[in-house]
Amino acid sequence: MEFLSAPWWSALLAIILIDLVLAGDNAIVIALAARSLPPALQKKAIIWGTVGAIGVRAVMTVGVVWLLQIP
């Protein structure tokens, strides 16, 4: 796939759209998990939940890139 070609842009936009959908899903799950906590713990739960979601997504991305290199 040639860099900056139409298929390249299409693939990039599809990846961005999927990432936005997954981020929205994570936000809903974090909010539901933190809703019954006291206000001080809610903020910590939201921050650590977001950090954890980003970390898991980064690790999984590296894992997928590694798997794609296997013939």
Protein backbone atom coordinates (compact mmCIF):
# COMPACT_ATOMS: atom_id res chain seq x y z
CA MET A 1 0.00 0.00 0.00
CA GLU A 2 1.53 3.27 -1.12
CA PHE A 3 1.96 5.95 1.53
CA LEU A 4 -0.70 8.74 1.35
CA SER A 5 -2.75 6.92 -1.29
CA ALA A 6 -6.54 6.65 -1.09
CA PRO A 7 -6.48 3.11 0.39
CA TRP A 8 -3.94 4.28 3.00
CA TRP A 9 -6.20 7.16 4.08
CA SER A 10 -9.20 4.83 4.13
CA ALA A 11 -7.39 2.36 6.39
CA LEU A 12 -6.21 5.16 8.67
CA LEU A 13 -9.72 6.58 9.03
CA ALA A 14 -11.12 3.11 9.77
CA ILE A 15 -8.54 2.61 12.53
CA ILE A 16 -9.33 6.03 14.03
CA LEU A 17 -13.08 5.30 13.97
CA ILE A 18 -12.60 1.93 15.68
CA ASP A 19 -10.36 3.55 18.30
CA LEU A 20 -12.99 6.21 19.04
CA VAL A 21 -15.70 3.58 19.47
CA LEU A 22 -13.51 1.57 21.84
CA ALA A 23 -12.61 4.70 23.82
CA GLY A 24 -16.30 5.53 24.25
CA ASP A 25 -16.99 2.00 25.44
CA ASN A 26 -14.14 2.24 27.97
CA ALA A 27 -15.48 5.56 29.27
CA ILE A 28 -18.92 4.04 29.88
CA VAL A 29 -17.49 1.03 31.71
CA ILE A 30 -15.21 3.22 33.87
CA ALA A 31 -18.11 5.54 34.72
CA LEU A 32 -20.35 2.62 35.70
CA ALA A 33 -17.62 1.13 37.88
CA ALA A 34 -16.93 4.45 39.65
CA ARG A 35 -20.50 5.69 40.11
CA SER A 36 -21.06 4.19 43.55
CA LEU A 37 -17.73 5.30 45.00
CA PRO A 38 -17.26 8.34 47.22
CA PRO A 39 -16.30 11.50 45.27
CA ALA A 40 -12.61 11.36 46.25
CA LEU A 41 -12.32 7.74 45.11
CA GLN A 42 -14.35 8.40 41.96
CA LYS A 43 -11.68 10.73 40.61
CA LYS A 44 -8.92 8.21 41.36
CA ALA A 45 -10.92 5.37 39.80
CA ILE A 46 -11.55 7.39 36.64
CA ILE A 47 -7.90 8.41 36.30
CA TRP A 48 -6.52 4.91 36.95
CA GLY A 49 -9.18 3.31 34.77
CA THR A 50 -8.24 5.61 31.91
CA VAL A 51 -4.52 4.96 32.39
CA GLY A 52 -5.19 1.24 32.50
CA ALA A 53 -7.32 1.31 29.34
CA ILE A 54 -4.62 3.23 27.47
CA GLY A 55 -1.94 0.87 28.75
CA VAL A 56 -3.85 -2.26 27.76
CA ARG A 57 -4.57 -0.82 24.30
CA ALA A 58 -0.87 0.02 23.81
CA VAL A 59 0.25 -3.47 24.88
CA MET A 60 -2.34 -5.12 22.64
CA THR A 61 -1.27 -2.95 19.70
CA VAL A 62 2.34 -4.04 20.14
CA GLY A 63 1.15 -7.66 20.37
CA VAL A 64 -0.85 -7.39 17.16
CA VAL A 65 2.08 -5.81 15.32
CA TRP A 66 4.26 -8.69 16.50
CA LEU A 67 1.67 -11.26 15.37
CA LEU A 68 1.38 -9.63 11.95
CA GLN A 69 5.09 -10.21 11.37
CA ILE A 70 4.64 -13.99 11.63
CA PRO A 71 4.42 -15.52 8.15
